[in-house]
């Protein structure tokens, strides 16, 4: 968080109409995150959800890349950190779902059939959907944790077994893995939020 706060202060002090340097980099990253929200949720909801999604995206990306610095460890290779990122997404999803649809939000859990004759099917769909929603924060946190931990284990093993050059190549791969894992976390979070606020047709 200190890295993000200091970067924000530096960007704020050097704001220009024609961005250069760190302002250009940060504007590119923030615009990419905002466009992802807007394309998935729509313009109105993108503005509401972007503070959460943008914060998570930047925080996870920085945490992933911290593990590439010798002597540092990636905070996202700790399950506590990834769970702390996933639980707010879970809570926000259902908060906005209830806020938009009211008590009708329960229809998201009942499946496509709306008939008194399909009541057993609706009950079964409710339990399946409820389990699916409860598992979301687990899958979000474990996926990120597992991939980042695997990268650290691979680097450690290669540093012991291989010559000096091979771990450097894996560090290059780590740049890609860190970016992809942050993107996947943010994309799934946006899709969960979009599913909660969408209107059924």
N, C-alpha and C. Protein backbone atom coordinates (compact mmCIF):
# COMPACT_ATOMS: atom_id res chain seq x y z
N UNK A 1 0.83 -1.20 0.00
CA UNK A 1 0.00 0.00 0.00
C UNK A 1 0.87 1.25 0.00
N UNK A 2 2.01 1.19 0.68
CA UNK A 2 2.91 2.34 0.71
C UNK A 2 3.38 2.67 -0.71
N UNK A 3 3.70 1.64 -1.49
CA UNK A 3 4.14 1.85 -2.88
C UNK A 3 3.05 2.55 -3.67
N UNK A 4 1.80 2.11 -3.54
CA UNK A 4 0.69 2.72 -4.28
C UNK A 4 0.43 4.16 -3.83
N UNK A 5 0.50 4.41 -2.52
CA UNK A 5 0.25 5.75 -2.00
C UNK A 5 1.34 6.71 -2.46
N UNK A 6 2.60 6.29 -2.38
CA UNK A 6 3.71 7.14 -2.81
C UNK A 6 3.61 7.41 -4.31
N UNK A 7 3.28 6.39 -5.09
CA UNK A 7 3.12 6.57 -6.54
C UNK A 7 2.00 7.56 -6.83
N UNK A 8 0.88 7.46 -6.12
CA UNK A 8 -0.23 8.38 -6.33
C UNK A 8 0.17 9.82 -6.00
N UNK A 9 0.96 10.00 -4.93
CA UNK A 9 1.42 11.35 -4.57
C UNK A 9 2.35 11.90 -5.64
N UNK A 10 3.26 11.07 -6.14
CA UNK A 10 4.17 11.51 -7.19
C UNK A 10 3.44 11.88 -8.46
N UNK A 11 2.44 11.07 -8.82
CA UNK A 11 1.65 11.37 -10.03
C UNK A 11 0.86 12.65 -9.83
N UNK A 12 0.29 12.84 -8.65
CA UNK A 12 -0.51 14.03 -8.39
C UNK A 12 0.34 15.30 -8.45
N UNK A 13 1.57 15.22 -7.98
CA UNK A 13 2.44 16.41 -7.99
C UNK A 13 2.89 16.79 -9.39
N UNK A 14 2.91 15.82 -10.29
CA UNK A 14 3.43 16.09 -11.63
C UNK A 14 2.35 15.96 -12.71
N UNK A 15 1.09 16.26 -12.36
CA UNK A 15 0.01 16.14 -13.33
C UNK A 15 0.19 17.16 -14.45
N UNK A 16 0.07 16.67 -15.68
CA UNK A 16 0.16 17.52 -16.86
C UNK A 16 -0.95 17.14 -17.82
N UNK A 17 -1.33 18.08 -18.68
CA UNK A 17 -2.35 17.80 -19.68
C UNK A 17 -1.85 16.76 -20.69
N UNK A 18 -0.59 16.86 -21.06
CA UNK A 18 0.04 15.85 -21.92
C UNK A 18 0.89 14.97 -21.01
N UNK A 19 0.40 13.78 -20.63
CA UNK A 19 1.10 12.97 -19.63
C UNK A 19 2.44 12.44 -20.13
N UNK A 20 3.38 12.37 -19.20
CA UNK A 20 4.70 11.78 -19.49
C UNK A 20 5.11 10.92 -18.31
N UNK A 21 6.05 10.02 -18.52
CA UNK A 21 6.65 9.24 -17.45
C UNK A 21 5.65 8.43 -16.66
N UNK A 22 5.72 8.58 -15.33
CA UNK A 22 4.92 7.75 -14.44
C UNK A 22 3.42 8.07 -14.57
N UNK A 23 3.10 9.35 -14.88
CA UNK A 23 1.69 9.70 -15.09
C UNK A 23 1.13 8.95 -16.30
N UNK A 24 1.91 8.85 -17.34
CA UNK A 24 1.48 8.14 -18.54
C UNK A 24 1.23 6.66 -18.25
N UNK A 25 2.16 6.05 -17.49
CA UNK A 25 2.02 4.64 -17.12
C UNK A 25 0.77 4.42 -16.27
N UNK A 26 0.58 5.25 -15.26
CA UNK A 26 -0.57 5.08 -14.37
C UNK A 26 -1.89 5.34 -15.10
N UNK A 27 -1.91 6.32 -15.99
CA UNK A 27 -3.14 6.59 -16.75
C UNK A 27 -3.48 5.40 -17.65
N UNK A 28 -2.47 4.78 -18.23
CA UNK A 28 -2.70 3.62 -19.08
C UNK A 28 -3.29 2.46 -18.29
N UNK A 29 -2.73 2.18 -17.11
CA UNK A 29 -3.21 1.08 -16.28
C UNK A 29 -4.62 1.35 -15.78
N UNK A 30 -4.86 2.57 -15.29
CA UNK A 30 -6.18 2.92 -14.76
C UNK A 30 -7.23 2.90 -15.88
N UNK A 31 -6.87 3.42 -17.06
CA UNK A 31 -7.82 3.42 -18.17
C UNK A 31 -8.15 2.00 -18.63
N UNK A 32 -7.15 1.10 -18.62
CA UNK A 32 -7.40 -0.29 -18.99
C UNK A 32 -8.37 -0.94 -18.01
N UNK A 33 -8.18 -0.69 -16.72
CA UNK A 33 -9.08 -1.25 -15.70
C UNK A 33 -10.49 -0.67 -15.85
N UNK A 34 -10.58 0.63 -16.11
CA UNK A 34 -11.89 1.25 -16.25
C UNK A 34 -12.61 0.73 -17.50
N UNK A 35 -11.89 0.58 -18.60
CA UNK A 35 -12.49 0.06 -19.82
C UNK A 35 -13.01 -1.36 -19.62
N UNK A 36 -12.26 -2.17 -18.86
CA UNK A 36 -12.71 -3.53 -18.55
C UNK A 36 -14.04 -3.49 -17.80
N UNK A 37 -14.14 -2.60 -16.81
CA UNK A 37 -15.39 -2.45 -16.06
C UNK A 37 -16.52 -1.99 -16.98
N UNK A 38 -16.25 -0.99 -17.79
CA UNK A 38 -17.29 -0.40 -18.64
C UNK A 38 -17.80 -1.40 -19.67
N UNK A 39 -16.90 -2.18 -20.26
CA UNK A 39 -17.31 -3.14 -21.28
C UNK A 39 -18.09 -4.31 -20.67
N UNK A 40 -17.80 -4.65 -19.42
CA UNK A 40 -18.45 -5.80 -18.80
C UNK A 40 -19.75 -5.41 -18.10
N UNK A 41 -19.75 -4.31 -17.39
CA UNK A 41 -20.92 -3.93 -16.58
C UNK A 41 -21.77 -2.86 -17.25
N UNK A 42 -21.14 -1.99 -18.03
CA UNK A 42 -21.86 -0.84 -18.60
C UNK A 42 -21.40 0.44 -17.93
N UNK A 43 -21.69 1.56 -18.59
CA UNK A 43 -21.15 2.85 -18.15
C UNK A 43 -21.61 3.23 -16.74
N UNK A 44 -22.91 3.08 -16.47
CA UNK A 44 -23.44 3.51 -15.16
C UNK A 44 -22.80 2.74 -14.01
N UNK A 45 -22.77 1.41 -14.11
CA UNK A 45 -22.26 0.60 -13.01
C UNK A 45 -20.74 0.59 -12.96
N UNK A 46 -20.09 0.89 -14.09
CA UNK A 46 -18.63 0.95 -14.08
C UNK A 46 -18.15 2.04 -13.13
N UNK A 47 -18.83 3.17 -13.13
CA UNK A 47 -18.44 4.28 -12.24
C UNK A 47 -18.62 3.90 -10.77
N UNK A 48 -19.64 3.10 -10.48
CA UNK A 48 -19.90 2.69 -9.10
C UNK A 48 -18.90 1.64 -8.62
N UNK A 49 -18.54 0.71 -9.51
CA UNK A 49 -17.68 -0.41 -9.11
C UNK A 49 -16.19 -0.15 -9.31
N UNK A 50 -15.86 0.88 -10.08
CA UNK A 50 -14.45 1.07 -10.42
C UNK A 50 -13.54 1.31 -9.20
N UNK A 51 -13.96 2.05 -8.18
CA UNK A 51 -13.06 2.20 -7.02
C UNK A 51 -12.62 0.86 -6.42
N UNK A 52 -13.55 -0.08 -6.29
CA UNK A 52 -13.21 -1.40 -5.75
C UNK A 52 -12.33 -2.17 -6.73
N UNK A 53 -12.74 -2.23 -8.00
CA UNK A 53 -12.02 -3.00 -9.00
C UNK A 53 -10.64 -2.41 -9.25
N UNK A 54 -10.56 -1.09 -9.36
CA UNK A 54 -9.27 -0.44 -9.60
C UNK A 54 -8.29 -0.66 -8.45
N UNK A 55 -8.81 -0.55 -7.23
CA UNK A 55 -7.95 -0.77 -6.05
C UNK A 55 -7.44 -2.21 -6.02
N UNK A 56 -8.33 -3.16 -6.24
CA UNK A 56 -7.92 -4.56 -6.23
C UNK A 56 -6.91 -4.85 -7.33
N UNK A 57 -7.18 -4.33 -8.53
CA UNK A 57 -6.27 -4.58 -9.66
C UNK A 57 -4.87 -4.06 -9.40
N UNK A 58 -4.76 -2.81 -8.96
CA UNK A 58 -3.44 -2.22 -8.70
C UNK A 58 -2.75 -2.90 -7.52
N UNK A 59 -3.50 -3.17 -6.46
CA UNK A 59 -2.92 -3.80 -5.27
C UNK A 59 -2.38 -5.19 -5.58
N UNK A 60 -3.18 -6.00 -6.28
CA UNK A 60 -2.76 -7.37 -6.59
C UNK A 60 -1.57 -7.36 -7.54
N UNK A 61 -1.58 -6.46 -8.52
CA UNK A 61 -0.46 -6.39 -9.47
C UNK A 61 0.84 -6.03 -8.76
N UNK A 62 0.79 -5.04 -7.88
CA UNK A 62 1.99 -4.65 -7.13
C UNK A 62 2.45 -5.79 -6.22
N UNK A 63 1.50 -6.43 -5.55
CA UNK A 63 1.86 -7.55 -4.66
C UNK A 63 2.49 -8.69 -5.45
N UNK A 64 1.94 -9.00 -6.62
CA UNK A 64 2.51 -10.06 -7.45
C UNK A 64 3.94 -9.74 -7.86
N UNK A 65 4.18 -8.50 -8.25
CA UNK A 65 5.51 -8.12 -8.73
C UNK A 65 6.54 -7.95 -7.60
N UNK A 66 6.07 -7.75 -6.37
CA UNK A 66 7.02 -7.63 -5.25
C UNK A 66 7.81 -8.92 -5.06
N UNK A 67 7.21 -10.05 -5.40
CA UNK A 67 7.90 -11.33 -5.25
C UNK A 67 9.04 -11.52 -6.23
N UNK A 68 9.13 -10.67 -7.26
CA UNK A 68 10.22 -10.77 -8.23
C UNK A 68 11.47 -10.03 -7.77
N UNK A 69 11.34 -9.22 -6.74
CA UNK A 69 12.49 -8.48 -6.21
C UNK A 69 13.23 -9.37 -5.24
N UNK A 70 14.53 -9.57 -5.44
CA UNK A 70 15.30 -10.43 -4.52
C UNK A 70 15.20 -9.93 -3.07
N UNK A 71 14.91 -10.86 -2.17
CA UNK A 71 14.78 -10.52 -0.76
C UNK A 71 13.35 -10.19 -0.34
N UNK A 72 12.47 -10.00 -1.31
CA UNK A 72 11.07 -9.71 -1.01
C UNK A 72 10.22 -10.95 -1.25
N UNK A 73 9.08 -10.97 -0.61
CA UNK A 73 8.13 -12.06 -0.83
C UNK A 73 6.83 -11.44 -1.34
N UNK A 74 6.15 -12.17 -2.20
CA UNK A 74 4.89 -11.68 -2.74
C UNK A 74 3.78 -11.85 -1.70
N UNK A 75 3.12 -10.77 -1.29
CA UNK A 75 2.02 -10.91 -0.32
C UNK A 75 0.90 -11.81 -0.83
N UNK A 76 0.73 -11.90 -2.15
CA UNK A 76 -0.35 -12.73 -2.69
C UNK A 76 0.00 -14.21 -2.67
N UNK A 77 1.20 -14.57 -2.22
CA UNK A 77 1.51 -15.98 -2.02
C UNK A 77 1.13 -16.42 -0.60
N UNK A 78 0.38 -15.56 0.09
CA UNK A 78 -0.17 -15.87 1.41
C UNK A 78 -1.69 -15.90 1.29
N UNK A 79 -2.29 -16.98 1.71
CA UNK A 79 -3.74 -17.16 1.55
C UNK A 79 -4.54 -16.10 2.30
N UNK A 80 -3.99 -15.55 3.39
CA UNK A 80 -4.69 -14.50 4.14
C UNK A 80 -4.89 -13.26 3.29
N UNK A 81 -3.88 -12.91 2.51
CA UNK A 81 -3.96 -11.71 1.65
C UNK A 81 -4.97 -11.92 0.54
N UNK A 82 -4.91 -13.07 -0.12
CA UNK A 82 -5.83 -13.31 -1.24
C UNK A 82 -7.28 -13.42 -0.75
N UNK A 83 -7.47 -14.01 0.43
CA UNK A 83 -8.83 -14.09 0.99
C UNK A 83 -9.33 -12.70 1.36
N UNK A 84 -8.44 -11.84 1.85
CA UNK A 84 -8.83 -10.47 2.20
C UNK A 84 -9.20 -9.66 0.96
N UNK A 85 -8.71 -10.07 -0.21
CA UNK A 85 -9.11 -9.42 -1.47
C UNK A 85 -10.42 -10.02 -2.00
N UNK A 86 -10.64 -11.30 -1.79
CA UNK A 86 -11.81 -11.98 -2.36
C UNK A 86 -13.09 -11.74 -1.56
N UNK A 87 -12.99 -11.64 -0.25
CA UNK A 87 -14.20 -11.48 0.58
C UNK A 87 -14.93 -10.16 0.29
N UNK A 88 -14.23 -9.02 0.14
CA UNK A 88 -14.97 -7.79 -0.22
C UNK A 88 -15.71 -7.90 -1.56
N UNK A 89 -15.15 -8.65 -2.51
CA UNK A 89 -15.83 -8.84 -3.79
C UNK A 89 -17.13 -9.61 -3.56
N UNK A 90 -17.07 -10.66 -2.75
CA UNK A 90 -18.26 -11.46 -2.42
C UNK A 90 -19.32 -10.59 -1.76
N UNK A 91 -18.92 -9.79 -0.77
CA UNK A 91 -19.87 -8.94 -0.06
C UNK A 91 -20.45 -7.86 -0.97
N UNK A 92 -19.60 -7.25 -1.80
CA UNK A 92 -20.06 -6.20 -2.72
C UNK A 92 -21.03 -6.76 -3.75
N UNK A 93 -20.76 -7.98 -4.22
CA UNK A 93 -21.65 -8.61 -5.20
C UNK A 93 -23.07 -8.71 -4.67
N UNK A 94 -23.23 -9.21 -3.47
CA UNK A 94 -24.57 -9.40 -2.92
C UNK A 94 -25.17 -8.09 -2.41
N UNK A 95 -24.33 -7.18 -1.95
CA UNK A 95 -24.84 -5.86 -1.54
C UNK A 95 -25.48 -5.15 -2.73
N UNK A 96 -24.75 -5.10 -3.87
CA UNK A 96 -25.30 -4.41 -5.04
C UNK A 96 -26.46 -5.19 -5.65
N UNK A 97 -26.42 -6.51 -5.57
CA UNK A 97 -27.55 -7.30 -6.06
C UNK A 97 -28.84 -6.98 -5.32
N UNK A 98 -28.77 -6.91 -4.00
CA UNK A 98 -29.96 -6.58 -3.19
C UNK A 98 -30.33 -5.12 -3.38
N UNK A 99 -29.33 -4.26 -3.51
CA UNK A 99 -29.61 -2.83 -3.69
C UNK A 99 -30.34 -2.56 -5.00
N UNK A 100 -29.98 -3.27 -6.06
CA UNK A 100 -30.59 -3.03 -7.37
C UNK A 100 -31.94 -3.73 -7.48
N UNK A 101 -32.02 -4.99 -7.05
CA UNK A 101 -33.22 -5.80 -7.29
C UNK A 101 -34.12 -5.93 -6.08
N UNK A 102 -33.64 -5.52 -4.91
CA UNK A 102 -34.43 -5.69 -3.70
C UNK A 102 -34.61 -7.18 -3.39
N UNK A 103 -35.77 -7.54 -2.91
CA UNK A 103 -36.03 -8.94 -2.56
C UNK A 103 -36.06 -9.82 -3.82
N UNK A 104 -36.27 -9.18 -4.98
CA UNK A 104 -36.27 -9.92 -6.24
C UNK A 104 -34.92 -10.50 -6.61
N UNK A 105 -33.88 -10.12 -5.87
CA UNK A 105 -32.54 -10.66 -6.13
C UNK A 105 -32.51 -12.17 -5.93
N UNK A 106 -33.45 -12.68 -5.14
CA UNK A 106 -33.52 -14.13 -4.89
C UNK A 106 -33.79 -14.89 -6.19
N UNK A 107 -34.38 -14.22 -7.20
CA UNK A 107 -34.67 -14.87 -8.48
C UNK A 107 -33.40 -15.30 -9.20
N UNK A 108 -32.27 -14.64 -8.89
CA UNK A 108 -30.99 -15.04 -9.49
C UNK A 108 -30.60 -16.45 -9.07
N UNK A 109 -31.16 -16.92 -7.97
CA UNK A 109 -30.80 -18.23 -7.42
C UNK A 109 -31.80 -19.34 -7.79
N UNK A 110 -32.87 -18.99 -8.48
CA UNK A 110 -33.94 -19.96 -8.70
C UNK A 110 -33.95 -20.59 -10.09
N UNK A 111 -33.06 -20.18 -10.96
CA UNK A 111 -33.03 -20.77 -12.30
C UNK A 111 -34.00 -20.08 -13.23
N UNK A 112 -34.06 -20.53 -14.49
CA UNK A 112 -34.88 -19.83 -15.50
C UNK A 112 -36.37 -20.15 -15.45
N UNK A 113 -36.78 -21.23 -14.78
CA UNK A 113 -38.18 -21.66 -14.79
C UNK A 113 -38.94 -20.98 -13.65
N UNK A 114 -40.09 -20.35 -13.96
CA UNK A 114 -40.92 -19.69 -12.95
C UNK A 114 -42.33 -20.26 -13.02
N UNK A 115 -42.52 -21.39 -12.42
CA UNK A 115 -43.84 -22.03 -12.43
C UNK A 115 -44.01 -22.79 -11.12
N UNK A 116 -45.24 -22.84 -10.64
CA UNK A 116 -45.52 -23.57 -9.40
C UNK A 116 -45.23 -25.06 -9.57
N UNK A 117 -45.34 -25.55 -10.83
CA UNK A 117 -45.08 -26.97 -11.08
C UNK A 117 -43.58 -27.27 -11.05
N UNK A 118 -42.78 -26.24 -11.19
CA UNK A 118 -41.33 -26.43 -11.19
C UNK A 118 -40.72 -26.13 -9.82
N UNK A 119 -41.53 -26.12 -8.79
CA UNK A 119 -41.04 -25.78 -7.45
C UNK A 119 -39.89 -26.68 -6.98
N UNK A 120 -39.96 -28.01 -7.17
CA UNK A 120 -38.81 -28.85 -6.77
C UNK A 120 -37.53 -28.48 -7.52
N UNK A 121 -37.67 -28.16 -8.81
CA UNK A 121 -36.50 -27.75 -9.60
C UNK A 121 -35.95 -26.42 -9.10
N UNK A 122 -36.84 -25.49 -8.74
CA UNK A 122 -36.41 -24.19 -8.23
C UNK A 122 -35.67 -24.34 -6.90
N UNK A 123 -36.16 -25.24 -6.04
CA UNK A 123 -35.49 -25.47 -4.75
C UNK A 123 -34.10 -26.06 -4.97
N UNK A 124 -34.01 -27.02 -5.88
CA UNK A 124 -32.72 -27.62 -6.19
C UNK A 124 -31.76 -26.58 -6.77
N UNK A 125 -32.28 -25.74 -7.69
CA UNK A 125 -31.44 -24.69 -8.29
C UNK A 125 -30.98 -23.69 -7.24
N UNK A 126 -31.85 -23.39 -6.25
CA UNK A 126 -31.46 -22.45 -5.20
C UNK A 126 -30.24 -22.96 -4.44
N UNK A 127 -30.26 -24.23 -4.05
CA UNK A 127 -29.13 -24.79 -3.29
C UNK A 127 -27.87 -24.86 -4.15
N UNK A 128 -28.01 -25.22 -5.42
CA UNK A 128 -26.85 -25.27 -6.32
C UNK A 128 -26.24 -23.88 -6.49
N UNK A 129 -27.12 -22.88 -6.73
CA UNK A 129 -26.62 -21.50 -6.92
C UNK A 129 -26.02 -20.95 -5.62
N UNK A 130 -26.64 -21.27 -4.48
CA UNK A 130 -26.11 -20.78 -3.20
C UNK A 130 -24.72 -21.34 -2.94
N UNK A 131 -24.54 -22.63 -3.21
CA UNK A 131 -23.21 -23.23 -3.05
C UNK A 131 -22.22 -22.59 -4.02
N UNK A 132 -22.66 -22.37 -5.26
CA UNK A 132 -21.79 -21.74 -6.25
C UNK A 132 -21.34 -20.35 -5.83
N UNK A 133 -22.25 -19.58 -5.21
CA UNK A 133 -21.90 -18.23 -4.75
C UNK A 133 -20.99 -18.28 -3.53
N UNK A 134 -21.23 -19.23 -2.64
CA UNK A 134 -20.38 -19.34 -1.45
C UNK A 134 -18.96 -19.78 -1.79
N UNK A 135 -18.82 -20.51 -2.88
CA UNK A 135 -17.50 -21.01 -3.28
C UNK A 135 -16.68 -19.93 -4.00
N UNK A 136 -17.33 -18.90 -4.51
CA UNK A 136 -16.62 -17.88 -5.28
C UNK A 136 -15.43 -17.25 -4.56
N UNK A 137 -15.59 -16.78 -3.31
CA UNK A 137 -14.41 -16.20 -2.65
C UNK A 137 -13.30 -17.22 -2.42
N UNK A 138 -13.68 -18.49 -2.22
CA UNK A 138 -12.67 -19.54 -2.04
C UNK A 138 -11.88 -19.73 -3.32
N UNK A 139 -12.59 -19.83 -4.45
CA UNK A 139 -11.88 -20.05 -5.72
C UNK A 139 -11.05 -18.84 -6.11
N UNK A 140 -11.57 -17.63 -5.87
CA UNK A 140 -10.79 -16.42 -6.18
C UNK A 140 -9.49 -16.39 -5.38
N UNK A 141 -9.59 -16.65 -4.10
CA UNK A 141 -8.40 -16.55 -3.24
C UNK A 141 -7.43 -17.70 -3.47
N UNK A 142 -7.95 -18.93 -3.60
CA UNK A 142 -7.06 -20.09 -3.76
C UNK A 142 -6.37 -20.08 -5.12
N UNK A 143 -7.07 -19.63 -6.18
CA UNK A 143 -6.45 -19.58 -7.50
C UNK A 143 -5.24 -18.64 -7.50
N UNK A 144 -5.43 -17.43 -6.97
CA UNK A 144 -4.33 -16.47 -6.94
C UNK A 144 -3.21 -16.96 -6.05
N UNK A 145 -3.56 -17.44 -4.85
CA UNK A 145 -2.56 -17.95 -3.91
C UNK A 145 -1.77 -19.11 -4.51
N UNK A 146 -2.46 -20.07 -5.12
CA UNK A 146 -1.79 -21.25 -5.67
C UNK A 146 -0.83 -20.90 -6.78
N UNK A 147 -1.23 -20.03 -7.69
CA UNK A 147 -0.36 -19.66 -8.80
C UNK A 147 0.87 -18.88 -8.34
N UNK A 148 0.68 -17.98 -7.39
CA UNK A 148 1.83 -17.20 -6.92
C UNK A 148 2.78 -18.05 -6.07
N UNK A 149 2.22 -18.95 -5.28
CA UNK A 149 3.06 -19.85 -4.48
C UNK A 149 3.83 -20.79 -5.40
N UNK A 150 3.18 -21.31 -6.44
CA UNK A 150 3.85 -22.21 -7.38
C UNK A 150 5.02 -21.51 -8.07
N UNK A 151 4.83 -20.24 -8.40
CA UNK A 151 5.92 -19.48 -9.04
C UNK A 151 7.11 -19.36 -8.09
N UNK A 152 6.86 -19.10 -6.81
CA UNK A 152 7.96 -18.97 -5.84
C UNK A 152 8.68 -20.30 -5.63
N UNK A 153 7.91 -21.37 -5.56
CA UNK A 153 8.53 -22.69 -5.38
C UNK A 153 9.39 -23.03 -6.60
N UNK A 154 8.86 -22.77 -7.79
CA UNK A 154 9.62 -23.03 -9.01
C UNK A 154 10.91 -22.23 -9.06
N UNK A 155 10.84 -20.96 -8.69
CA UNK A 155 12.05 -20.13 -8.66
C UNK A 155 13.06 -20.65 -7.65
N UNK A 156 12.58 -21.06 -6.48
CA UNK A 156 13.48 -21.59 -5.45
C UNK A 156 14.17 -22.86 -5.89
N UNK A 157 13.41 -23.77 -6.51
CA UNK A 157 14.00 -25.02 -6.98
C UNK A 157 15.01 -24.77 -8.08
N UNK A 158 14.66 -23.89 -9.02
CA UNK A 158 15.59 -23.60 -10.12
C UNK A 158 16.84 -22.89 -9.64
N UNK A 159 16.71 -22.04 -8.62
CA UNK A 159 17.88 -21.36 -8.09
C UNK A 159 18.86 -22.34 -7.46
N UNK A 160 18.34 -23.44 -6.91
CA UNK A 160 19.20 -24.45 -6.29
C UNK A 160 19.80 -25.38 -7.34
N UNK A 161 18.99 -25.81 -8.30
CA UNK A 161 19.41 -26.85 -9.23
C UNK A 161 20.06 -26.34 -10.51
N UNK A 162 19.67 -25.17 -10.96
CA UNK A 162 20.07 -24.73 -12.30
C UNK A 162 21.15 -23.66 -12.22
N UNK A 163 21.81 -23.41 -13.36
CA UNK A 163 22.76 -22.30 -13.41
C UNK A 163 22.06 -20.96 -13.25
N UNK A 164 22.83 -19.93 -13.13
CA UNK A 164 22.31 -18.61 -12.82
C UNK A 164 21.35 -18.08 -13.89
N UNK A 165 21.55 -18.42 -15.14
CA UNK A 165 20.75 -17.85 -16.22
C UNK A 165 19.31 -18.32 -16.25
N UNK A 166 19.05 -19.57 -15.89
CA UNK A 166 17.70 -20.12 -16.00
C UNK A 166 16.70 -19.45 -15.06
N UNK A 167 17.04 -19.22 -13.79
CA UNK A 167 16.08 -18.51 -12.93
C UNK A 167 15.74 -17.11 -13.45
N UNK A 168 16.68 -16.47 -14.16
CA UNK A 168 16.39 -15.15 -14.72
C UNK A 168 15.30 -15.26 -15.78
N UNK A 169 15.33 -16.33 -16.59
CA UNK A 169 14.28 -16.55 -17.59
C UNK A 169 12.93 -16.78 -16.91
N UNK A 170 12.95 -17.50 -15.79
CA UNK A 170 11.70 -17.74 -15.06
C UNK A 170 11.19 -16.43 -14.44
N UNK A 171 12.09 -15.54 -14.06
CA UNK A 171 11.66 -14.23 -13.56
C UNK A 171 10.91 -13.46 -14.66
N UNK A 172 11.38 -13.59 -15.90
CA UNK A 172 10.67 -12.99 -17.03
C UNK A 172 9.27 -13.58 -17.17
N UNK A 173 9.19 -14.89 -17.00
CA UNK A 173 7.88 -15.55 -17.02
C UNK A 173 7.02 -15.09 -15.85
N UNK A 174 7.69 -14.80 -14.72
CA UNK A 174 6.97 -14.30 -13.55
C UNK A 174 6.29 -12.97 -13.80
N UNK A 175 6.88 -12.13 -14.67
CA UNK A 175 6.24 -10.87 -15.03
C UNK A 175 4.89 -11.13 -15.71
N UNK A 176 4.89 -12.10 -16.60
CA UNK A 176 3.66 -12.44 -17.31
C UNK A 176 2.64 -13.06 -16.35
N UNK A 177 3.11 -13.99 -15.51
CA UNK A 177 2.21 -14.66 -14.55
C UNK A 177 1.57 -13.65 -13.61
N UNK A 178 2.37 -12.71 -13.10
CA UNK A 178 1.84 -11.69 -12.19
C UNK A 178 0.75 -10.85 -12.84
N UNK A 179 0.97 -10.46 -14.10
CA UNK A 179 -0.02 -9.66 -14.82
C UNK A 179 -1.27 -10.46 -15.10
N UNK A 180 -1.10 -11.70 -15.58
CA UNK A 180 -2.25 -12.54 -15.92
C UNK A 180 -3.09 -12.85 -14.68
N UNK A 181 -2.45 -13.16 -13.56
CA UNK A 181 -3.21 -13.48 -12.35
C UNK A 181 -3.98 -12.28 -11.81
N UNK A 182 -3.38 -11.09 -11.89
CA UNK A 182 -4.11 -9.89 -11.48
C UNK A 182 -5.29 -9.65 -12.41
N UNK A 183 -5.09 -9.85 -13.72
CA UNK A 183 -6.16 -9.67 -14.70
C UNK A 183 -7.30 -10.66 -14.47
N UNK A 184 -6.96 -11.93 -14.21
CA UNK A 184 -7.99 -12.95 -14.00
C UNK A 184 -8.81 -12.63 -12.76
N UNK A 185 -8.16 -12.23 -11.68
CA UNK A 185 -8.87 -11.88 -10.45
C UNK A 185 -9.84 -10.73 -10.71
N UNK A 186 -9.35 -9.69 -11.38
CA UNK A 186 -10.18 -8.51 -11.65
C UNK A 186 -11.32 -8.87 -12.60
N UNK A 187 -11.03 -9.64 -13.64
CA UNK A 187 -12.06 -10.01 -14.61
C UNK A 187 -13.18 -10.81 -13.95
N UNK A 188 -12.82 -11.80 -13.13
CA UNK A 188 -13.84 -12.59 -12.44
C UNK A 188 -14.65 -11.72 -11.48
N UNK A 189 -13.97 -10.80 -10.79
CA UNK A 189 -14.68 -9.91 -9.87
C UNK A 189 -15.69 -9.06 -10.62
N UNK A 190 -15.29 -8.52 -11.76
CA UNK A 190 -16.19 -7.69 -12.56
C UNK A 190 -17.37 -8.51 -13.07
N UNK A 191 -17.10 -9.75 -13.49
CA UNK A 191 -18.18 -10.60 -13.98
C UNK A 191 -19.17 -10.96 -12.87
N UNK A 192 -18.66 -11.20 -11.67
CA UNK A 192 -19.55 -11.48 -10.54
C UNK A 192 -20.44 -10.27 -10.24
N UNK A 193 -19.84 -9.08 -10.25
CA UNK A 193 -20.62 -7.87 -10.00
C UNK A 193 -21.62 -7.62 -11.11
N UNK A 194 -21.22 -7.87 -12.35
CA UNK A 194 -22.12 -7.68 -13.49
C UNK A 194 -23.31 -8.64 -13.39
N UNK A 195 -23.05 -9.88 -12.98
CA UNK A 195 -24.14 -10.84 -12.83
C UNK A 195 -25.12 -10.46 -11.74
N UNK A 196 -24.64 -9.77 -10.72
CA UNK A 196 -25.52 -9.37 -9.61
C UNK A 196 -26.44 -8.22 -9.99
N UNK A 197 -25.96 -7.30 -10.82
CA UNK A 197 -26.77 -6.10 -11.12
C UNK A 197 -27.53 -6.20 -12.45
N UNK A 198 -27.27 -7.25 -13.24
CA UNK A 198 -27.92 -7.35 -14.55
C UNK A 198 -29.41 -7.64 -14.39
N UNK A 199 -30.16 -7.20 -15.39
CA UNK A 199 -31.59 -7.49 -15.42
C UNK A 199 -31.81 -8.76 -16.23
N UNK A 200 -32.67 -9.66 -15.74
CA UNK A 200 -32.98 -10.88 -16.46
C UNK A 200 -33.88 -10.55 -17.65
N UNK A 201 -33.69 -11.29 -18.76
CA UNK A 201 -34.50 -11.07 -19.96
C UNK A 201 -35.29 -12.34 -20.25
